[in-house]
């Protein structure tokens, strides 16, 4: 394995191709500890806080979900365990599943950092989400945060069917997916066309960074080598809406503008996306937002 596998991950398989019923799932071993600590979103925050603090990327959907004490809540694809921590802290019973061995091990390590009286509310196990080992109508809520883009349509169909089964009649699914494929294909190239020009002049003088031009994002920077393998089904707003409405009679969706705190040029985009008029006008904000959230109500 190379020293920096997220830059040249030779241990990763080839891309699976289009999202269709004959395509193979991404192997679980791809989601290893090195990925979670070097490439998976918010890894710096996780390493500095041990998973006990949640990023804004996760906090938005979590606050919107309205977790209440006493609820039973499932986190599908629980990653490193940050969402489970906040569910337990809110007084709910947190259940996490993931098909990655390293994910489950990291979640258990995160659990040990919780105060002892909260650890009993935090459960995690290895499981295939396409065959949930829980009774019917068991959960009040299910989270699927940054997992949809990792699933072929045939996988997503099976998982959503299982989610509906284990949800109580009044239950809901809270989902977050990134990136928005329209943002990558349309919005972001539009942004880079003029922001690169600006960066070569005014911004370089203001920031005082002679190497800024090399830090300005271009289309080749949009995905890491990991993401080129893992992101087999990046969504658009109507694509995700159609899928959700197949399983839930009530669906609410909205675009999100994530915050990129670790890159000067991306922070410039965040400011532009929030203030630039064209990015805020319907339906153009469906192109300039880089993520979506969706809530599916069972009834």
C-alpha atoms as a PDB file:
ATOM      1  CA  UNK A   1       0.000   0.000   0.000  1.00  0.00           C
ATOM      2  CA  UNK A   2       1.276   3.459  -0.856  1.00  0.00           C
ATOM      3  CA  UNK A   3       2.123   5.896   1.863  1.00  0.00           C
ATOM      4  CA  UNK A   4      -0.784   8.154   0.834  1.00  0.00           C
ATOM      5  CA  UNK A   5      -3.498   5.772  -0.347  1.00  0.00           C
ATOM      6  CA  UNK A   6      -6.024   8.576  -0.802  1.00  0.00           C
ATOM      7  CA  UNK A   7      -3.752  10.039  -3.469  1.00  0.00           C
ATOM      8  CA  UNK A   8      -2.922   6.783  -5.239  1.00  0.00           C
ATOM      9  CA  UNK A   9      -5.014   3.977  -3.723  1.00  0.00           C
ATOM     10  CA  UNK A  10      -3.666   0.936  -5.539  1.00  0.00           C
ATOM     11  CA  UNK A  11      -5.546  -1.336  -3.159  1.00  0.00           C
ATOM     12  CA  UNK A  12      -8.883  -0.068  -4.496  1.00  0.00           C
ATOM     13  CA  UNK A  13     -10.823  -1.966  -7.162  1.00  0.00           C
ATOM     14  CA  UNK A  14     -11.681  -0.519 -10.544  1.00  0.00           C
ATOM     15  CA  UNK A  15     -14.751   1.660 -10.838  1.00  0.00           C
ATOM     16  CA  UNK A  16     -17.937  -0.352 -11.025  1.00  0.00           C
ATOM     17  CA  UNK A  17     -19.432   1.556 -13.943  1.00  0.00           C
ATOM     18  CA  UNK A  18     -22.998   2.817 -14.301  1.00  0.00           C
ATOM     19  CA  UNK A  19     -25.565   2.353 -11.560  1.00  0.00           C
ATOM     20  CA  UNK A  20     -27.550  -0.641 -12.806  1.00  0.00           C
ATOM     21  CA  UNK A  21     -28.869  -3.888 -11.499  1.00  0.00           C
ATOM     22  CA  UNK A  22     -25.933  -5.890 -12.809  1.00  0.00           C
ATOM     23  CA  UNK A  23     -23.278  -3.718 -11.173  1.00  0.00           C
ATOM     24  CA  UNK A  24     -21.383  -5.019  -8.164  1.00  0.00           C
ATOM     25  CA  UNK A  25     -21.443  -3.276  -4.816  1.00  0.00           C
ATOM     26  CA  UNK A  26     -18.313  -1.480  -3.633  1.00  0.00           C
ATOM     27  CA  UNK A  27     -16.354  -4.028  -1.534  1.00  0.00           C
ATOM     28  CA  UNK A  28     -16.481  -3.404   2.205  1.00  0.00           C
ATOM     29  CA  UNK A  29     -12.685  -3.530   2.602  1.00  0.00           C
ATOM     30  CA  UNK A  30     -12.410  -0.262   0.643  1.00  0.00           C
ATOM     31  CA  UNK A  31     -13.834   1.476   3.713  1.00  0.00           C
ATOM     32  CA  UNK A  32     -10.810   0.894   5.885  1.00  0.00           C
ATOM     33  CA  UNK A  33      -9.431   2.805   8.850  1.00  0.00           C
ATOM     34  CA  UNK A  34      -6.943   4.661   6.698  1.00  0.00           C
ATOM     35  CA  UNK A  35      -9.775   5.985   4.541  1.00  0.00           C
ATOM     36  CA  UNK A  36     -11.743   7.164   7.583  1.00  0.00           C
ATOM     37  CA  UNK A  37      -8.697   8.950   9.009  1.00  0.00           C
ATOM     38  CA  UNK A  38      -7.244  10.477   5.825  1.00  0.00           C
ATOM     39  CA  UNK A  39      -9.989  11.036   3.288  1.00  0.00           C
ATOM     40  CA  UNK A  40     -13.501  10.636   4.678  1.00  0.00           C
ATOM     41  CA  UNK A  41     -15.229  13.984   5.242  1.00  0.00           C
ATOM     42  CA  UNK A  42     -14.439  15.748   8.556  1.00  0.00           C
ATOM     43  CA  UNK A  43     -11.532  13.434   9.349  1.00  0.00           C
ATOM     44  CA  UNK A  44      -9.532  16.325  10.867  1.00  0.00           C
ATOM     45  CA  UNK A  45     -12.365  17.143  13.273  1.00  0.00           C
ATOM     46  CA  UNK A  46     -12.734  13.487  14.172  1.00  0.00           C
ATOM     47  CA  UNK A  47      -9.031  13.114  14.934  1.00  0.00           C
ATOM     48  CA  UNK A  48      -9.026  16.243  17.110  1.00  0.00           C
ATOM     49  CA  UNK A  49     -12.211  15.454  19.056  1.00  0.00           C
ATOM     50  CA  UNK A  50     -12.424  11.668  18.939  1.00  0.00           C
ATOM     51  CA  UNK A  51     -15.831  11.854  17.295  1.00  0.00           C
ATOM     52  CA  UNK A  52     -17.478  13.630  20.224  1.00  0.00           C
ATOM     53  CA  UNK A  53     -18.216  16.760  18.183  1.00  0.00           C
ATOM     54  CA  UNK A  54     -20.258  16.977  15.016  1.00  0.00           C
ATOM     55  CA  UNK A  55     -19.435  19.037  11.946  1.00  0.00           C
ATOM     56  CA  UNK A  56     -21.885  21.450  10.369  1.00  0.00           C
ATOM     57  CA  UNK A  57     -22.235  18.992   7.504  1.00  0.00           C
ATOM     58  CA  UNK A  58     -23.743  16.460   9.914  1.00  0.00           C
ATOM     59  CA  UNK A  59     -25.266  18.950  12.308  1.00  0.00           C
ATOM     60  CA  UNK A  60     -27.694  20.419   9.783  1.00  0.00           C
ATOM     61  CA  UNK A  61     -29.591  17.189   9.079  1.00  0.00           C
ATOM     62  CA  UNK A  62     -29.348  16.190  12.756  1.00  0.00           C
ATOM     63  CA  UNK A  63     -30.962  19.417  13.997  1.00  0.00           C
ATOM     64  CA  UNK A  64     -33.598  19.211  11.304  1.00  0.00           C
ATOM     65  CA  UNK A  65     -34.467  15.646  12.383  1.00  0.00           C
ATOM     66  CA  UNK A  66     -35.639  16.726  15.828  1.00  0.00           C
ATOM     67  CA  UNK A  67     -34.304  13.769  17.835  1.00  0.00           C
ATOM     68  CA  UNK A  68     -36.227  13.296  21.097  1.00  0.00           C
ATOM     69  CA  UNK A  69     -35.422  11.359  24.292  1.00  0.00           C
ATOM     70  CA  UNK A  70     -36.682   7.797  24.327  1.00  0.00           C
ATOM     71  CA  UNK A  71     -36.719   7.319  20.563  1.00  0.00           C
ATOM     72  CA  UNK A  72     -35.076   4.347  18.869  1.00  0.00           C
ATOM     73  CA  UNK A  73     -32.935   5.608  15.989  1.00  0.00           C
ATOM     74  CA  UNK A  74     -30.899   3.726  13.400  1.00  0.00           C
ATOM     75  CA  UNK A  75     -27.854   5.156  11.617  1.00  0.00           C
ATOM     76  CA  UNK A  76     -27.286   3.206   8.387  1.00  0.00           C
ATOM     77  CA  UNK A  77     -23.623   3.390   7.362  1.00  0.00           C
ATOM     78  CA  UNK A  78     -22.498   4.756  10.716  1.00  0.00           C
ATOM     79  CA  UNK A  79     -18.880   5.382   9.656  1.00  0.00           C
ATOM     80  CA  UNK A  80     -16.867   6.540  12.667  1.00  0.00           C
ATOM     81  CA  UNK A  81     -19.830   6.980  15.019  1.00  0.00           C
ATOM     82  CA  UNK A  82     -20.246  10.767  15.243  1.00  0.00           C
ATOM     83  CA  UNK A  83     -23.995  10.673  14.610  1.00  0.00           C
ATOM     84  CA  UNK A  84     -24.452   7.879  17.156  1.00  0.00           C
ATOM     85  CA  UNK A  85     -22.748  10.027  19.791  1.00  0.00           C
ATOM     86  CA  UNK A  86     -25.198  12.879  19.276  1.00  0.00           C
ATOM     87  CA  UNK A  87     -28.218  10.549  19.254  1.00  0.00           C
ATOM     88  CA  UNK A  88     -27.140   9.089  22.602  1.00  0.00           C
ATOM     89  CA  UNK A  89     -26.474  12.556  24.029  1.00  0.00           C
ATOM     90  CA  UNK A  90     -29.996  13.587  23.016  1.00  0.00           C
ATOM     91  CA  UNK A  91     -31.383  10.803  25.201  1.00  0.00           C
ATOM     92  CA  UNK A  92     -32.412   8.499  22.375  1.00  0.00           C
ATOM     93  CA  UNK A  93     -31.412   4.874  21.858  1.00  0.00           C
ATOM     94  CA  UNK A  94     -28.751   4.881  19.110  1.00  0.00           C
ATOM     95  CA  UNK A  95     -28.257   1.894  16.817  1.00  0.00           C
ATOM     96  CA  UNK A  96     -25.503   1.952  14.207  1.00  0.00           C
ATOM     97  CA  UNK A  97     -24.782  -0.522  11.433  1.00  0.00           C
ATOM     98  CA  UNK A  98     -22.077  -0.687   8.794  1.00  0.00           C
ATOM     99  CA  UNK A  99     -20.743  -3.456   6.575  1.00  0.00           C
ATOM    100  CA  UNK A 100     -17.149  -2.311   7.076  1.00  0.00           C
ATOM    101  CA  UNK A 101     -15.227  -4.101   9.823  1.00  0.00           C
ATOM    102  CA  UNK A 102     -13.024  -1.062  10.376  1.00  0.00           C
ATOM    103  CA  UNK A 103     -16.060   1.192  10.655  1.00  0.00           C
ATOM    104  CA  UNK A 104     -17.580  -0.948  13.388  1.00  0.00           C
ATOM    105  CA  UNK A 105     -14.256  -1.076  15.244  1.00  0.00           C
ATOM    106  CA  UNK A 106     -13.897   2.720  15.069  1.00  0.00           C
ATOM    107  CA  UNK A 107     -17.476   3.228  16.259  1.00  0.00           C
ATOM    108  CA  UNK A 108     -16.766   1.043  19.271  1.00  0.00           C
ATOM    109  CA  UNK A 109     -13.656   3.108  20.015  1.00  0.00           C
ATOM    110  CA  UNK A 110     -15.747   6.279  19.752  1.00  0.00           C
ATOM    111  CA  UNK A 111     -18.280   4.766  22.168  1.00  0.00           C
ATOM    112  CA  UNK A 112     -15.568   4.335  24.805  1.00  0.00           C
ATOM    113  CA  UNK A 113     -14.951   8.107  24.744  1.00  0.00           C
ATOM    114  CA  UNK A 114     -18.542   8.807  25.762  1.00  0.00           C
ATOM    115  CA  UNK A 115     -19.454   9.347  29.379  1.00  0.00           C
ATOM    116  CA  UNK A 116     -20.168   5.980  30.941  1.00  0.00           C
ATOM    117  CA  UNK A 117     -23.869   6.603  31.563  1.00  0.00           C
ATOM    118  CA  UNK A 118     -24.417   7.194  27.820  1.00  0.00           C
ATOM    119  CA  UNK A 119     -22.685   4.089  26.543  1.00  0.00           C
ATOM    120  CA  UNK A 120     -25.743   1.935  27.146  1.00  0.00           C
ATOM    121  CA  UNK A 121     -27.658   4.069  24.648  1.00  0.00           C
ATOM    122  CA  UNK A 122     -25.060   3.458  21.916  1.00  0.00           C
ATOM    123  CA  UNK A 123     -25.182   0.167  19.997  1.00  0.00           C
ATOM    124  CA  UNK A 124     -23.234  -0.785  16.881  1.00  0.00           C
ATOM    125  CA  UNK A 125     -22.814  -3.945  14.847  1.00  0.00           C
ATOM    126  CA  UNK A 126     -21.696  -5.118  11.444  1.00  0.00           C
ATOM    127  CA  UNK A 127     -24.656  -5.643   9.134  1.00  0.00           C
ATOM    128  CA  UNK A 128     -25.695  -5.487   5.493  1.00  0.00           C
ATOM    129  CA  UNK A 129     -28.302  -2.735   5.195  1.00  0.00           C
ATOM    130  CA  UNK A 130     -30.002  -4.657   2.384  1.00  0.00           C
ATOM    131  CA  UNK A 131     -31.024  -7.235   5.020  1.00  0.00           C
ATOM    132  CA  UNK A 132     -31.678  -5.382   8.263  1.00  0.00           C
ATOM    133  CA  UNK A 133     -31.766  -7.724  11.238  1.00  0.00           C
ATOM    134  CA  UNK A 134     -34.393  -5.776  13.153  1.00  0.00           C
ATOM    135  CA  UNK A 135     -38.119  -6.403  13.690  1.00  0.00           C
ATOM    136  CA  UNK A 136     -40.805  -4.626  11.710  1.00  0.00           C
ATOM    137  CA  UNK A 137     -41.806  -1.156  12.999  1.00  0.00           C
ATOM    138  CA  UNK A 138     -38.874  -1.024  15.445  1.00  0.00           C
ATOM    139  CA  UNK A 139     -37.418   2.457  14.859  1.00  0.00           C
ATOM    140  CA  UNK A 140     -38.791   5.964  15.209  1.00  0.00           C
ATOM    141  CA  UNK A 141     -36.219   7.359  12.801  1.00  0.00           C
ATOM    142  CA  UNK A 142     -33.482   6.250  10.412  1.00  0.00           C
ATOM    143  CA  UNK A 143     -30.479   8.302   9.331  1.00  0.00           C
ATOM    144  CA  UNK A 144     -28.697   7.752   6.014  1.00  0.00           C
ATOM    145  CA  UNK A 145     -25.943  10.359   5.948  1.00  0.00           C
ATOM    146  CA  UNK A 146     -23.545  10.381   2.972  1.00  0.00           C
ATOM    147  CA  UNK A 147     -24.289   6.794   1.982  1.00  0.00           C
ATOM    148  CA  UNK A 148     -26.717   7.130  -0.959  1.00  0.00           C
ATOM    149  CA  UNK A 149     -23.971   8.196  -3.374  1.00  0.00           C
ATOM    150  CA  UNK A 150     -22.127   4.955  -2.515  1.00  0.00           C
ATOM    151  CA  UNK A 151     -25.011   2.706  -3.609  1.00  0.00           C
ATOM    152  CA  UNK A 152     -26.171   1.482  -6.982  1.00  0.00           C
ATOM    153  CA  UNK A 153     -29.877   1.977  -7.616  1.00  0.00           C
ATOM    154  CA  UNK A 154     -30.593  -1.708  -7.052  1.00  0.00           C
ATOM    155  CA  UNK A 155     -28.896  -1.517  -3.645  1.00  0.00           C
ATOM    156  CA  UNK A 156     -30.663   1.691  -2.723  1.00  0.00           C
ATOM    157  CA  UNK A 157     -34.036   0.171  -3.633  1.00  0.00           C
ATOM    158  CA  UNK A 158     -33.435  -2.796  -1.325  1.00  0.00           C
ATOM    159  CA  UNK A 159     -32.204  -0.616   1.528  1.00  0.00           C
ATOM    160  CA  UNK A 160     -35.092   1.839   1.304  1.00  0.00           C
ATOM    161  CA  UNK A 161     -37.499  -1.086   1.298  1.00  0.00           C
ATOM    162  CA  UNK A 162     -35.867  -2.390   4.467  1.00  0.00           C
ATOM    163  CA  UNK A 163     -35.898   1.081   6.038  1.00  0.00           C
ATOM    164  CA  UNK A 164     -39.645   1.371   5.434  1.00  0.00           C
ATOM    165  CA  UNK A 165     -40.140  -2.052   7.000  1.00  0.00           C
ATOM    166  CA  UNK A 166     -38.275  -1.282  10.244  1.00  0.00           C
ATOM    167  CA  UNK A 167     -39.778   2.195  10.664  1.00  0.00           C
ATOM    168  CA  UNK A 168     -42.816   2.675  12.888  1.00  0.00           C
ATOM    169  CA  UNK A 169     -45.971   3.951  11.136  1.00  0.00           C
ATOM    170  CA  UNK A 170     -45.112   7.500  12.235  1.00  0.00           C
ATOM    171  CA  UNK A 171     -41.393   7.083  11.509  1.00  0.00           C
ATOM    172  CA  UNK A 172     -39.199   9.000   9.093  1.00  0.00           C
ATOM    173  CA  UNK A 173     -35.995   8.678   7.141  1.00  0.00           C
ATOM    174  CA  UNK A 174     -33.511  11.572   7.243  1.00  0.00           C
ATOM    175  CA  UNK A 175     -30.994  11.434   4.408  1.00  0.00           C
ATOM    176  CA  UNK A 176     -28.060  13.578   3.308  1.00  0.00           C
ATOM    177  CA  UNK A 177     -26.114  13.063   0.094  1.00  0.00           C
ATOM    178  CA  UNK A 178     -23.158  14.838  -1.459  1.00  0.00           C
ATOM    179  CA  UNK A 179     -22.063  15.845  -3.969  1.00  0.00           C
ATOM    180  CA  UNK A 180     -24.835  17.124  -6.211  1.00  0.00           C
ATOM    181  CA  UNK A 181     -23.900  15.808  -9.656  1.00  0.00           C
ATOM    182  CA  UNK A 182     -25.270  18.942 -11.369  1.00  0.00           C
ATOM    183  CA  UNK A 183     -22.969  21.016  -9.188  1.00  0.00           C
ATOM    184  CA  UNK A 184     -19.953  19.018 -10.351  1.00  0.00           C
ATOM    185  CA  UNK A 185     -20.931  19.006 -14.013  1.00  0.00           C
ATOM    186  CA  UNK A 186     -22.408  22.495 -14.420  1.00  0.00           C
ATOM    187  CA  UNK A 187     -22.226  24.805 -11.399  1.00  0.00           C
ATOM    188  CA  UNK A 188     -18.663  24.188 -10.370  1.00  0.00           C
ATOM    189  CA  UNK A 189     -17.119  24.596 -13.851  1.00  0.00           C
ATOM    190  CA  UNK A 190     -18.995  27.893 -14.184  1.00  0.00           C
ATOM    191  CA  UNK A 191     -17.581  28.999 -10.839  1.00  0.00           C
ATOM    192  CA  UNK A 192     -14.002  27.978 -11.633  1.00  0.00           C
ATOM    193  CA  UNK A 193     -14.056  29.792 -14.974  1.00  0.00           C
ATOM    194  CA  UNK A 194     -14.209  33.215 -13.353  1.00  0.00           C
ATOM    195  CA  UNK A 195     -12.944  32.557  -9.824  1.00  0.00           C
ATOM    196  CA  UNK A 196      -9.663  31.257 -11.253  1.00  0.00           C
ATOM    197  CA  UNK A 197      -9.290  34.476 -13.214  1.00  0.00           C
ATOM    198  CA  UNK A 198      -9.980  36.530 -10.092  1.00  0.00           C
ATOM    199  CA  UNK A 199      -7.574  34.472  -7.995  1.00  0.00           C
ATOM    200  CA  UNK A 200      -4.702  35.171 -10.348  1.00  0.00           C
ATOM    201  CA  UNK A 201      -5.029  38.857  -9.595  1.00  0.00           C
ATOM    202  CA  UNK A 202      -6.885  40.420  -6.691  1.00  0.00           C
ATOM    203  CA  UNK A 203      -7.207  37.408  -4.398  1.00  0.00           C
ATOM    204  CA  UNK A 204      -3.523  36.512  -4.619  1.00  0.00           C
ATOM    205  CA  UNK A 205      -2.620  40.017  -3.442  1.00  0.00           C
ATOM    206  CA  UNK A 206      -5.160  39.993  -0.606  1.00  0.00           C
ATOM    207  CA  UNK A 207      -4.252  36.563   0.691  1.00  0.00           C
ATOM    208  CA  UNK A 208      -0.539  37.062   0.138  1.00  0.00           C
ATOM    209  CA  UNK A 209       0.005  33.498  -1.008  1.00  0.00           C
ATOM    210  CA  UNK A 210       2.329  33.151  -4.002  1.00  0.00           C
ATOM    211  CA  UNK A 211       1.164  29.580  -4.464  1.00  0.00           C
ATOM    212  CA  UNK A 212      -2.549  30.388  -4.404  1.00  0.00           C
ATOM    213  CA  UNK A 213      -2.974  29.710  -8.105  1.00  0.00           C
ATOM    214  CA  UNK A 214      -2.048  26.066  -7.528  1.00  0.00           C
ATOM    215  CA  UNK A 215      -4.566  25.850  -4.675  1.00  0.00           C
ATOM    216  CA  UNK A 216      -7.506  27.151  -6.657  1.00  0.00           C
ATOM    217  CA  UNK A 217      -9.734  24.146  -7.315  1.00  0.00           C
ATOM    218  CA  UNK A 218     -10.215  22.852 -10.824  1.00  0.00           C
ATOM    219  CA  UNK A 219     -12.372  20.029 -12.141  1.00  0.00           C
ATOM    220  CA  UNK A 220      -9.625  17.491 -11.535  1.00  0.00           C
ATOM    221  CA  UNK A 221      -9.748  18.380  -7.814  1.00  0.00           C
ATOM    222  CA  UNK A 222     -13.410  17.569  -7.343  1.00  0.00           C
ATOM    223  CA  UNK A 223     -12.988  13.913  -6.442  1.00  0.00           C
ATOM    224  CA  UNK A 224     -10.262  12.014  -4.665  1.00  0.00           C
ATOM    225  CA  UNK A 225      -9.174   8.629  -5.976  1.00  0.00           C
ATOM    226  CA  UNK A 226     -11.241   7.066  -3.213  1.00  0.00           C
ATOM    227  CA  UNK A 227     -14.344   8.939  -4.339  1.00  0.00           C
ATOM    228  CA  UNK A 228     -13.852   7.896  -7.950  1.00  0.00           C
ATOM    229  CA  UNK A 229     -14.299   4.336  -6.744  1.00  0.00           C
ATOM    230  CA  UNK A 230     -16.879   4.884  -4.004  1.00  0.00           C
ATOM    231  CA  UNK A 231     -19.187   7.491  -5.539  1.00  0.00           C
ATOM    232  CA  UNK A 232     -20.938   5.192  -7.964  1.00  0.00           C
ATOM    233  CA  UNK A 233     -24.318   6.957  -7.849  1.00  0.00           C
ATOM    234  CA  UNK A 234     -23.975  10.694  -7.279  1.00  0.00           C
ATOM    235  CA  UNK A 235     -27.436  12.231  -7.207  1.00  0.00           C
ATOM    236  CA  UNK A 236     -29.304  15.136  -8.744  1.00  0.00           C
ATOM    237  CA  UNK A 237     -32.284  16.756  -7.044  1.00  0.00           C
ATOM    238  CA  UNK A 238     -34.976  15.174  -9.285  1.00  0.00           C
ATOM    239  CA  UNK A 239     -33.214  11.805  -9.327  1.00  0.00           C
ATOM    240  CA  UNK A 240     -33.221  11.564  -5.533  1.00  0.00           C
ATOM    241  CA  UNK A 241     -36.786  12.900  -5.312  1.00  0.00           C
ATOM    242  CA  UNK A 242     -38.064  10.206  -7.679  1.00  0.00           C
ATOM    243  CA  UNK A 243     -36.374   7.445  -5.711  1.00  0.00           C
ATOM    244  CA  UNK A 244     -37.628   8.716  -2.338  1.00  0.00           C
ATOM    245  CA  UNK A 245     -41.213   9.067  -3.578  1.00  0.00           C
ATOM    246  CA  UNK A 246     -41.272   5.428  -4.585  1.00  0.00           C
ATOM    247  CA  UNK A 247     -41.050   4.469  -0.903  1.00  0.00           C
ATOM    248  CA  UNK A 248     -42.475   7.379   1.080  1.00  0.00           C
ATOM    249  CA  UNK A 249     -45.839   9.112   0.560  1.00  0.00           C
ATOM    250  CA  UNK A 250     -44.476  12.375   1.984  1.00  0.00           C
ATOM    251  CA  UNK A 251     -41.042  13.609   0.893  1.00  0.00           C
ATOM    252  CA  UNK A 252     -39.382  16.939   1.722  1.00  0.00           C
ATOM    253  CA  UNK A 253     -36.146  17.897   0.008  1.00  0.00           C
ATOM    254  CA  UNK A 254     -33.850  20.904   0.017  1.00  0.00           C
ATOM    255  CA  UNK A 255     -30.409  21.790  -1.360  1.00  0.00           C
ATOM    256  CA  UNK A 256     -27.536  22.461   1.025  1.00  0.00           C
ATOM    257  CA  UNK A 257     -24.399  24.583   0.727  1.00  0.00           C
ATOM    258  CA  UNK A 258     -21.682  22.829   2.691  1.00  0.00           C
ATOM    259  CA  UNK A 259     -18.887  24.736   4.396  1.00  0.00           C
ATOM    260  CA  UNK A 260     -15.332  23.905   3.322  1.00  0.00           C
ATOM    261  CA  UNK A 261     -13.227  25.179   6.195  1.00  0.00           C
ATOM    262  CA  UNK A 262      -9.936  23.636   5.081  1.00  0.00           C
ATOM    263  CA  UNK A 263      -9.374  25.345   1.722  1.00  0.00           C
ATOM    264  CA  UNK A 264      -9.158  29.055   0.905  1.00  0.00           C
ATOM    265  CA  UNK A 265     -10.556  28.701  -2.581  1.00  0.00           C
ATOM    266  CA  UNK A 266     -13.435  26.513  -1.459  1.00  0.00           C
ATOM    267  CA  UNK A 267     -14.283  29.012   1.284  1.00  0.00           C
ATOM    268  CA  UNK A 268     -14.491  31.652  -1.431  1.00  0.00           C
ATOM    269  CA  UNK A 269     -16.983  29.450  -3.213  1.00  0.00           C
ATOM    270  CA  UNK A 270     -19.035  29.100  -0.022  1.00  0.00           C
ATOM    271  CA  UNK A 271     -19.287  32.887   0.230  1.00  0.00           C
ATOM    272  CA  UNK A 272     -20.164  33.250  -3.428  1.00  0.00           C
ATOM    273  CA  UNK A 273     -22.780  30.501  -3.333  1.00  0.00           C
ATOM    274  CA  UNK A 274     -24.531  32.153  -0.408  1.00  0.00           C
ATOM    275  CA  UNK A 275     -24.459  35.673  -1.835  1.00  0.00           C
ATOM    276  CA  UNK A 276     -24.169  35.471  -5.606  1.00  0.00           C
ATOM    277  CA  UNK A 277     -27.731  36.139  -6.889  1.00  0.00           C
ATOM    278  CA  UNK A 278     -27.809  33.520  -9.616  1.00  0.00           C
ATOM    279  CA  UNK A 279     -26.961  30.731  -7.191  1.00  0.00           C
ATOM    280  CA  UNK A 280     -29.951  31.523  -4.969  1.00  0.00           C
ATOM    281  CA  UNK A 281     -32.698  31.703  -7.590  1.00  0.00           C
ATOM    282  CA  UNK A 282     -34.991  28.734  -8.244  1.00  0.00           C
ATOM    283  CA  UNK A 283     -34.169  26.466 -10.010  1.00  0.00           C
ATOM    284  CA  UNK A 284     -30.531  27.501 -10.376  1.00  0.00           C
ATOM    285  CA  UNK A 285     -29.797  26.817  -6.725  1.00  0.00           C
ATOM    286  CA  UNK A 286     -30.313  23.136  -7.571  1.00  0.00           C
ATOM    287  CA  UNK A 287     -27.161  23.475  -9.683  1.00  0.00           C
ATOM    288  CA  UNK A 288     -25.024  25.530  -7.306  1.00  0.00           C
ATOM    289  CA  UNK A 289     -25.782  23.641  -4.085  1.00  0.00           C
ATOM    290  CA  UNK A 290     -23.227  20.906  -3.518  1.00  0.00           C
ATOM    291  CA  UNK A 291     -25.443  18.642  -1.399  1.00  0.00           C
ATOM    292  CA  UNK A 292     -29.072  17.723  -0.629  1.00  0.00           C
ATOM    293  CA  UNK A 293     -31.062  16.542   2.314  1.00  0.00           C
ATOM    294  CA  UNK A 294     -34.294  14.590   2.080  1.00  0.00           C
ATOM    295  CA  UNK A 295     -36.880  13.555   4.654  1.00  0.00           C
ATOM    296  CA  UNK A 296     -39.264  10.703   3.925  1.00  0.00           C
ATOM    297  CA  UNK A 297     -42.330  10.305   6.137  1.00  0.00           C
ATOM    298  CA  UNK A 298     -43.848   6.842   6.305  1.00  0.00           C
ATOM    299  CA  UNK A 299     -47.327   8.312   6.810  1.00  0.00           C
END
